[in-house]
N, C-alpha and C. Protein backbone atom coordinates (compact mmCIF):
# COMPACT_ATOMS: atom_id res chain seq x y z
N MET A 1 -10.17 9.49 -7.42
CA MET A 1 -8.68 9.77 -8.42
C MET A 1 -9.01 9.44 -9.85
N LYS A 2 -8.22 9.21 -11.01
CA LYS A 2 -8.46 8.96 -11.60
C LYS A 2 -7.13 7.56 -12.16
N ARG A 3 -7.68 7.21 -12.58
CA ARG A 3 -6.73 5.70 -12.81
C ARG A 3 -5.03 5.64 -13.08
N LYS A 4 -5.23 6.89 -14.11
CA LYS A 4 -4.15 7.47 -14.50
C LYS A 4 -2.99 7.72 -13.22
N TYR A 5 -3.09 8.74 -12.44
CA TYR A 5 -2.77 8.89 -11.15
C TYR A 5 -2.41 8.26 -10.49
N TYR A 6 -3.26 6.91 -9.94
CA TYR A 6 -2.80 5.84 -9.25
C TYR A 6 -1.71 5.12 -10.21
N ILE A 7 -1.41 5.07 -11.22
CA ILE A 7 -0.62 4.28 -11.89
C ILE A 7 0.78 5.36 -12.01
N ILE A 8 0.52 6.55 -12.13
CA ILE A 8 1.83 7.27 -11.92
C ILE A 8 2.36 6.97 -10.39
N LEU A 9 1.23 7.54 -9.45
CA LEU A 9 1.82 7.10 -7.99
C LEU A 9 2.49 5.60 -7.96
N SER A 10 1.95 4.69 -8.11
CA SER A 10 2.07 3.61 -7.94
C SER A 10 3.77 2.77 -8.42
N LEU A 11 3.68 3.85 -9.17
CA LEU A 11 5.16 3.10 -10.37
C LEU A 11 6.56 3.92 -9.39
N SER A 12 6.10 5.04 -8.89
CA SER A 12 6.85 6.54 -8.47
C SER A 12 7.03 5.85 -7.20
N TYR A 13 6.39 5.25 -6.11
CA TYR A 13 6.08 5.23 -5.19
C TYR A 13 7.37 4.08 -4.95
N ALA A 14 6.70 3.15 -5.83
CA ALA A 14 7.87 1.71 -5.95
C ALA A 14 9.19 1.88 -6.15
N THR A 15 9.48 2.99 -6.99
CA THR A 15 10.73 3.73 -7.26
C THR A 15 11.39 4.22 -6.22
N ILE A 16 10.41 5.09 -5.01
CA ILE A 16 11.30 5.44 -4.12
C ILE A 16 11.70 4.59 -3.23
N ILE A 17 10.74 3.37 -2.90
CA ILE A 17 10.57 1.96 -1.84
C ILE A 17 12.21 1.36 -2.49
N PHE A 18 12.53 1.23 -3.69
CA PHE A 18 13.88 0.94 -4.11
C PHE A 18 14.77 1.53 -4.00
N ILE A 19 14.78 3.03 -4.52
CA ILE A 19 15.90 3.68 -3.97
C ILE A 19 16.03 3.88 -2.64
N LEU A 20 15.59 3.65 -1.60
CA LEU A 20 16.01 3.81 -0.33
C LEU A 20 15.97 2.70 0.40
N SER A 21 15.82 1.65 -0.30
CA SER A 21 16.34 0.29 0.39
C SER A 21 17.81 0.02 -0.38
N SER A 22 18.15 0.82 -1.46
CA SER A 22 19.05 0.75 -1.55
C SER A 22 20.47 1.39 -0.94
N ILE A 23 19.96 2.49 0.03
CA ILE A 23 21.09 3.10 0.85
C ILE A 23 21.85 2.19 1.66
N PRO A 24 22.77 2.30 1.69
CA PRO A 24 23.57 1.48 2.67
C PRO A 24 23.19 1.99 4.06
N GLN A 25 22.77 1.27 5.10
CA GLN A 25 22.48 1.88 6.48
C GLN A 25 23.02 0.83 7.66
N PRO A 26 23.60 1.91 8.56
CA PRO A 26 23.92 1.00 9.45
C PRO A 26 22.80 0.48 10.44
N PRO A 27 23.21 -0.93 11.11
CA PRO A 27 22.06 -1.49 11.96
C PRO A 27 21.75 0.34 13.05
N SER A 28 20.52 0.04 13.41
CA SER A 28 20.16 1.25 14.63
C SER A 28 18.69 0.73 15.50
N TYR A 29 18.90 1.76 16.28
CA TYR A 29 17.75 1.38 17.14
C TYR A 29 15.99 0.45 16.61
N VAL A 30 15.79 0.75 15.52
CA VAL A 30 14.64 0.94 15.03
C VAL A 30 14.64 -0.56 14.75
N GLU A 31 15.52 -1.82 14.33
CA GLU A 31 15.28 -2.90 13.95
C GLU A 31 15.33 -3.37 15.67
N GLU A 32 15.84 -3.11 16.62
CA GLU A 32 15.92 -3.71 17.79
C GLU A 32 14.81 -3.39 18.48
N THR A 33 14.27 -2.12 18.33
CA THR A 33 12.72 -2.14 19.00
C THR A 33 11.39 -2.71 18.03
N GLY A 34 11.99 -3.29 17.01
CA GLY A 34 10.65 -3.75 16.15
C GLY A 34 9.55 -2.94 15.74
N PHE A 35 10.30 -1.00 15.86
CA PHE A 35 9.60 -0.22 15.16
C PHE A 35 9.64 -0.25 13.42
N ASP A 36 10.65 -1.24 13.23
CA ASP A 36 10.80 -1.28 11.53
C ASP A 36 9.73 -2.03 10.68
N LYS A 37 9.28 -2.99 11.56
CA LYS A 37 7.71 -3.52 11.25
C LYS A 37 6.87 -2.84 10.91
N ILE A 38 6.33 -1.77 11.95
CA ILE A 38 5.25 -0.97 11.46
C ILE A 38 5.64 0.15 10.65
N GLN A 39 6.56 0.20 10.04
CA GLN A 39 7.71 1.18 9.05
C GLN A 39 7.29 0.44 7.56
N HIS A 40 7.11 -0.77 7.80
CA HIS A 40 7.15 -1.72 6.46
C HIS A 40 5.53 -1.78 6.88
N VAL A 41 4.53 -2.06 7.34
CA VAL A 41 3.49 -1.82 7.20
C VAL A 41 2.62 -0.99 6.65
N ILE A 42 3.41 0.06 7.19
CA ILE A 42 2.77 1.74 6.48
C ILE A 42 3.07 1.64 5.37
N GLU A 43 5.08 1.57 5.17
CA GLU A 43 4.89 1.70 3.50
C GLU A 43 4.31 1.08 2.49
N TYR A 44 4.01 -0.03 2.93
CA TYR A 44 3.03 -1.55 1.52
C TYR A 44 2.14 -1.01 1.84
N SER A 45 1.37 -0.28 2.93
CA SER A 45 -0.07 -0.04 2.92
C SER A 45 -0.21 1.03 2.08
N ILE A 46 0.61 1.83 1.95
CA ILE A 46 0.42 3.11 0.93
C ILE A 46 0.50 2.33 -0.54
N LEU A 47 1.77 1.46 -0.62
CA LEU A 47 1.89 0.89 -1.94
C LEU A 47 0.67 -0.15 -2.70
N GLY A 48 0.22 -1.17 -1.68
CA GLY A 48 -1.18 -1.59 -2.24
C GLY A 48 -2.46 -0.47 -2.37
N PHE A 49 -2.45 0.47 -1.52
CA PHE A 49 -3.58 1.43 -1.80
C PHE A 49 -3.31 1.94 -3.09
N PHE A 50 -2.15 2.95 -3.52
CA PHE A 50 -1.86 2.92 -4.89
C PHE A 50 -2.09 1.88 -5.58
N VAL A 51 -1.87 0.63 -5.93
CA VAL A 51 -1.57 -0.44 -6.73
C VAL A 51 -3.41 -0.66 -6.91
N LEU A 52 -3.72 -0.98 -6.23
CA LEU A 52 -5.61 -1.08 -6.11
C LEU A 52 -5.95 -0.10 -7.06
N GLY A 53 -5.66 0.87 -6.64
CA GLY A 53 -6.60 2.59 -7.42
C GLY A 53 -6.03 2.40 -8.55
N SER A 54 -5.04 1.49 -8.97
CA SER A 54 -4.74 1.61 -10.61
C SER A 54 -5.56 0.42 -11.08
N PHE A 55 -6.39 -0.36 -11.25
CA PHE A 55 -7.30 -0.86 -11.23
C PHE A 55 -8.69 -0.75 -11.81
N ALA A 56 -9.72 -0.84 -12.61
CA ALA A 56 -10.53 0.08 -12.81
C ALA A 56 -11.58 -0.23 -11.68
N ASN A 57 -11.75 -2.38 -11.74
CA ASN A 57 -13.12 -2.77 -10.60
C ASN A 57 -12.45 -3.03 -9.66
N ARG A 58 -12.22 -2.46 -8.28
CA ARG A 58 -11.20 -2.47 -7.49
C ARG A 58 -12.42 -3.46 -6.42
N ASN A 59 -13.47 -3.87 -6.73
CA ASN A 59 -14.14 -4.88 -6.10
C ASN A 59 -14.23 -6.13 -5.90
N ASN A 60 -13.64 -6.55 -7.38
CA ASN A 60 -13.17 -7.59 -8.13
C ASN A 60 -12.40 -8.74 -7.09
N VAL A 61 -12.89 -9.54 -6.64
CA VAL A 61 -11.27 -10.39 -5.45
C VAL A 61 -10.54 -10.74 -6.61
N LYS A 62 -10.43 -11.42 -7.49
CA LYS A 62 -9.38 -11.62 -8.70
C LYS A 62 -8.31 -10.41 -8.39
N ILE A 63 -9.01 -9.27 -8.77
CA ILE A 63 -7.54 -8.13 -8.99
C ILE A 63 -7.31 -8.18 -7.60
N ILE A 64 -8.49 -7.90 -6.34
CA ILE A 64 -7.52 -7.77 -4.96
C ILE A 64 -6.65 -8.63 -4.74
N LEU A 65 -6.36 -9.99 -5.01
CA LEU A 65 -5.47 -11.17 -5.19
C LEU A 65 -4.23 -10.67 -5.80
N LEU A 66 -5.09 -10.74 -7.20
CA LEU A 66 -3.38 -9.87 -7.96
C LEU A 66 -2.76 -9.16 -7.17
N VAL A 67 -3.40 -7.94 -6.56
CA VAL A 67 -3.00 -6.63 -6.22
C VAL A 67 -1.74 -7.31 -5.13
N ILE A 68 -2.24 -7.66 -4.24
CA ILE A 68 -1.82 -8.58 -3.10
C ILE A 68 -0.34 -9.24 -3.73
N ILE A 69 -0.87 -10.42 -4.25
CA ILE A 69 0.40 -10.94 -5.05
C ILE A 69 1.51 -10.13 -5.70
N ILE A 70 1.12 -9.21 -6.44
CA ILE A 70 1.95 -8.12 -7.17
C ILE A 70 2.79 -7.43 -6.29
N CYS A 71 1.77 -7.12 -5.16
CA CYS A 71 2.85 -6.16 -3.93
C CYS A 71 3.85 -7.04 -3.17
N SER A 72 3.12 -7.71 -2.95
CA SER A 72 4.04 -8.89 -1.93
C SER A 72 4.98 -9.67 -2.50
N ILE A 73 5.02 -9.51 -3.78
CA ILE A 73 6.28 -10.31 -4.59
C ILE A 73 7.23 -9.04 -4.45
N TYR A 74 6.98 -7.71 -4.81
CA TYR A 74 7.62 -6.65 -5.01
C TYR A 74 8.21 -6.69 -3.60
N GLY A 75 7.58 -6.60 -2.58
CA GLY A 75 8.03 -6.91 -1.33
C GLY A 75 9.71 -7.56 -0.87
N ILE A 76 8.93 -8.83 -1.38
CA ILE A 76 9.97 -10.14 -1.34
C ILE A 76 11.26 -9.46 -2.11
N VAL A 77 10.88 -9.47 -3.62
CA VAL A 77 12.61 -8.88 -4.06
C VAL A 77 13.42 -7.81 -3.71
N ASP A 78 12.55 -6.96 -2.75
CA ASP A 78 13.12 -5.97 -2.36
C ASP A 78 14.13 -6.44 -1.07
N GLU A 79 13.47 -7.22 -0.30
CA GLU A 79 13.94 -7.91 0.45
C GLU A 79 15.06 -8.67 -0.05
N ILE A 80 15.31 -9.28 -0.91
CA ILE A 80 16.54 -10.09 -1.31
C ILE A 80 17.44 -9.11 -2.10
N HIS A 81 16.98 -8.00 -2.83
CA HIS A 81 17.92 -6.76 -2.71
C HIS A 81 18.25 -6.45 -1.94
N GLN A 82 17.68 -5.85 -0.89
CA GLN A 82 18.34 -5.53 0.56
C GLN A 82 19.73 -6.41 0.73
N PHE A 83 19.88 -7.67 0.62
CA PHE A 83 20.64 -8.66 0.86
C PHE A 83 21.93 -8.23 0.66
N PHE A 84 21.94 -7.70 -0.60
CA PHE A 84 23.20 -7.61 -1.18
C PHE A 84 23.74 -5.94 -1.28
N VAL A 85 22.90 -5.36 0.01
CA VAL A 85 23.36 -3.72 -0.12
C VAL A 85 24.19 -3.64 1.64
N PRO A 86 25.43 -3.21 1.56
CA PRO A 86 25.83 -2.97 2.52
C PRO A 86 25.13 -2.36 4.19
N GLY A 87 25.19 -3.06 5.12
CA GLY A 87 24.45 -2.49 6.32
C GLY A 87 22.66 -2.94 6.47
N ARG A 88 22.52 -3.75 4.75
CA ARG A 88 20.96 -4.12 5.24
C ARG A 88 21.00 -5.64 5.24
N TYR A 89 19.63 -5.92 5.90
CA TYR A 89 19.88 -7.39 5.94
C TYR A 89 18.25 -7.89 5.41
N PHE A 90 18.52 -9.27 4.91
CA PHE A 90 17.59 -10.08 4.33
C PHE A 90 16.72 -10.59 5.91
N SER A 91 15.40 -9.85 5.65
CA SER A 91 14.25 -10.58 7.01
C SER A 91 12.94 -10.88 6.78
N VAL A 92 12.41 -12.23 6.84
CA VAL A 92 11.36 -12.82 6.45
C VAL A 92 10.40 -12.04 7.09
N LEU A 93 10.19 -11.81 8.46
CA LEU A 93 9.41 -11.20 9.13
C LEU A 93 9.14 -9.92 8.43
N ASP A 94 10.06 -9.01 7.65
CA ASP A 94 9.96 -7.84 7.07
C ASP A 94 8.92 -8.33 5.92
N MET A 95 9.38 -9.09 5.44
CA MET A 95 8.52 -9.96 4.27
C MET A 95 6.82 -10.04 4.27
N VAL A 96 6.84 -10.47 5.26
CA VAL A 96 5.17 -10.82 6.46
C VAL A 96 4.75 -9.27 6.05
N ALA A 97 5.48 -8.32 7.62
CA ALA A 97 5.05 -7.39 7.63
C ALA A 97 4.81 -5.97 6.39
N ASN A 98 5.23 -6.73 5.07
CA ASN A 98 5.04 -5.82 3.83
C ASN A 98 3.71 -6.57 3.43
N SER A 99 3.43 -7.83 3.37
CA SER A 99 2.27 -8.14 2.98
C SER A 99 1.22 -8.10 3.51
N VAL A 100 1.42 -7.95 4.66
CA VAL A 100 0.22 -7.24 6.06
C VAL A 100 -0.41 -5.79 5.47
N GLY A 101 0.61 -4.99 5.21
CA GLY A 101 0.71 -3.57 4.78
C GLY A 101 -0.16 -3.82 3.65
N VAL A 102 0.43 -4.77 2.67
CA VAL A 102 -0.76 -4.25 1.43
C VAL A 102 -2.01 -4.99 1.65
N VAL A 103 -2.06 -5.47 2.46
CA VAL A 103 -4.01 -5.94 2.76
C VAL A 103 -4.61 -4.99 3.58
N ILE A 104 -3.98 -4.27 4.67
CA ILE A 104 -3.83 -2.93 4.89
C ILE A 104 -4.32 -1.94 4.35
N GLY A 105 -3.69 -1.84 3.14
CA GLY A 105 -3.94 -0.24 1.97
C GLY A 105 -5.14 -0.63 1.23
N ILE A 106 -5.47 -2.23 1.29
CA ILE A 106 -6.39 -2.64 0.22
C ILE A 106 -7.79 -1.92 1.17
N LEU A 107 -7.43 -2.67 2.07
CA LEU A 107 -8.96 -2.37 2.80
C LEU A 107 -8.96 -0.73 3.05
N ILE A 108 -8.26 0.04 3.55
CA ILE A 108 -8.27 1.54 3.84
C ILE A 108 -8.60 1.78 2.30
N LEU A 109 -8.61 1.52 1.13
CA LEU A 109 -9.28 2.11 -0.15
C LEU A 109 -10.32 1.62 -0.30
N ARG A 110 -10.93 0.44 0.13
CA ARG A 110 -12.42 -0.17 -0.11
C ARG A 110 -12.74 0.42 0.98
N TYR A 111 -12.01 0.82 2.12
CA TYR A 111 -13.14 1.23 3.25
C TYR A 111 -13.24 2.78 2.63
N TYR A 112 -12.63 3.40 2.33
CA TYR A 112 -12.99 5.04 2.01
C TYR A 112 -13.46 5.09 1.07
N LYS A 113 -13.60 3.98 -0.04
CA LYS A 113 -14.72 3.87 -1.30
C LYS A 113 -16.14 3.84 -0.73
N GLU A 114 -16.41 3.13 0.47
CA GLU A 114 -17.74 2.88 1.12
C GLU A 114 -18.15 3.80 1.69
N LEU A 115 -17.22 4.37 2.68
CA LEU A 115 -17.87 5.71 3.51
C LEU A 115 -18.09 6.95 2.22
N GLY A 116 -17.00 7.14 1.03
CA GLY A 116 -17.67 8.53 0.31
C GLY A 116 -19.42 7.93 0.05
N ASN A 117 -19.36 6.70 -0.41
CA ASN A 117 -20.44 6.26 -0.78
C ASN A 117 -21.79 6.34 0.17
N ILE A 118 -21.52 6.80 1.16
CA ILE A 118 -22.19 6.59 2.80
C ILE A 118 -22.69 8.17 3.10
N LEU A 119 -21.48 8.46 2.64
CA LEU A 119 -21.97 9.83 2.87
C LEU A 119 -22.51 11.37 1.73
N ARG A 120 -22.33 10.10 0.55
CA ARG A 120 -23.41 11.14 -0.61
C ARG A 120 -24.42 10.55 -0.53
N ASN A 121 -24.78 9.54 0.15
CA ASN A 121 -26.26 9.05 0.50
C ASN A 121 -26.42 10.03 1.91
N LEU A 122 -26.12 10.29 2.43
CA LEU A 122 -26.44 10.84 3.69
C LEU A 122 -27.26 12.61 2.73
N ARG A 123 -26.11 13.04 2.15
CA ARG A 123 -26.11 14.41 1.60
C ARG A 123 -27.79 14.38 1.15
N ASN A 124 -27.75 13.42 0.10
CA ASN A 124 -28.74 13.05 -0.96
C ASN A 124 -30.03 13.12 -0.02
N GLU A 125 -29.98 12.47 0.92
CA GLU A 125 -31.05 12.14 1.91
C GLU A 125 -31.59 13.69 2.84
N ASN A 126 -30.78 14.49 3.42
CA ASN A 126 -30.84 15.35 4.35
C ASN A 126 -31.03 16.55 2.99
N SER A 127 -30.82 16.73 1.82
CA SER A 127 -30.73 17.85 1.19
C SER A 127 -32.40 18.15 1.27
N PRO A 128 -32.85 19.82 0.97
CA PRO A 128 -33.77 20.09 0.90
C PRO A 128 -34.56 19.43 -0.04
N LYS A 129 -35.60 19.32 0.03
CA LYS A 129 -36.51 19.02 -1.38
C LYS A 129 -37.54 20.12 -1.61
N PHE A 130 -37.67 20.07 -2.69
CA PHE A 130 -38.51 21.70 -3.42
C PHE A 130 -39.82 20.80 -4.42
N ILE A 131 -40.89 20.94 -3.62
CA ILE A 131 -41.60 20.44 -4.79
C ILE A 131 -42.34 21.75 -5.76
N ALA A 132 -42.77 21.11 -6.63
CA ALA A 132 -43.05 22.10 -7.84
C ALA A 132 -44.47 22.34 -7.94
């Protein structure tokens, strides 16, 4: 996918996260069961995936660290923002889940690219060879 699409997806998804976390919500069973941490991990995995995709050199360690920092700071700001939304609360564990999600999203994108390379190589090796 082209970088510009990843950029659009990153900005759109970050906006959706902000809008959804602005909706007042009464406490529910989700927080009590800990399932909300899984939701945070999934939510920020997607964000990490999109943001890393926005960079041309996705294998550069500095870029990966930058993406982790940017997305983790966004998660912290979102948690602080929720402190001021009725029915929402600030949670350090949610911030940790957000950061873990970012790292997972980055790993998925990197693994996905490697898997694509492996499949391409297998296809090229198994394709019929014609000798002229």
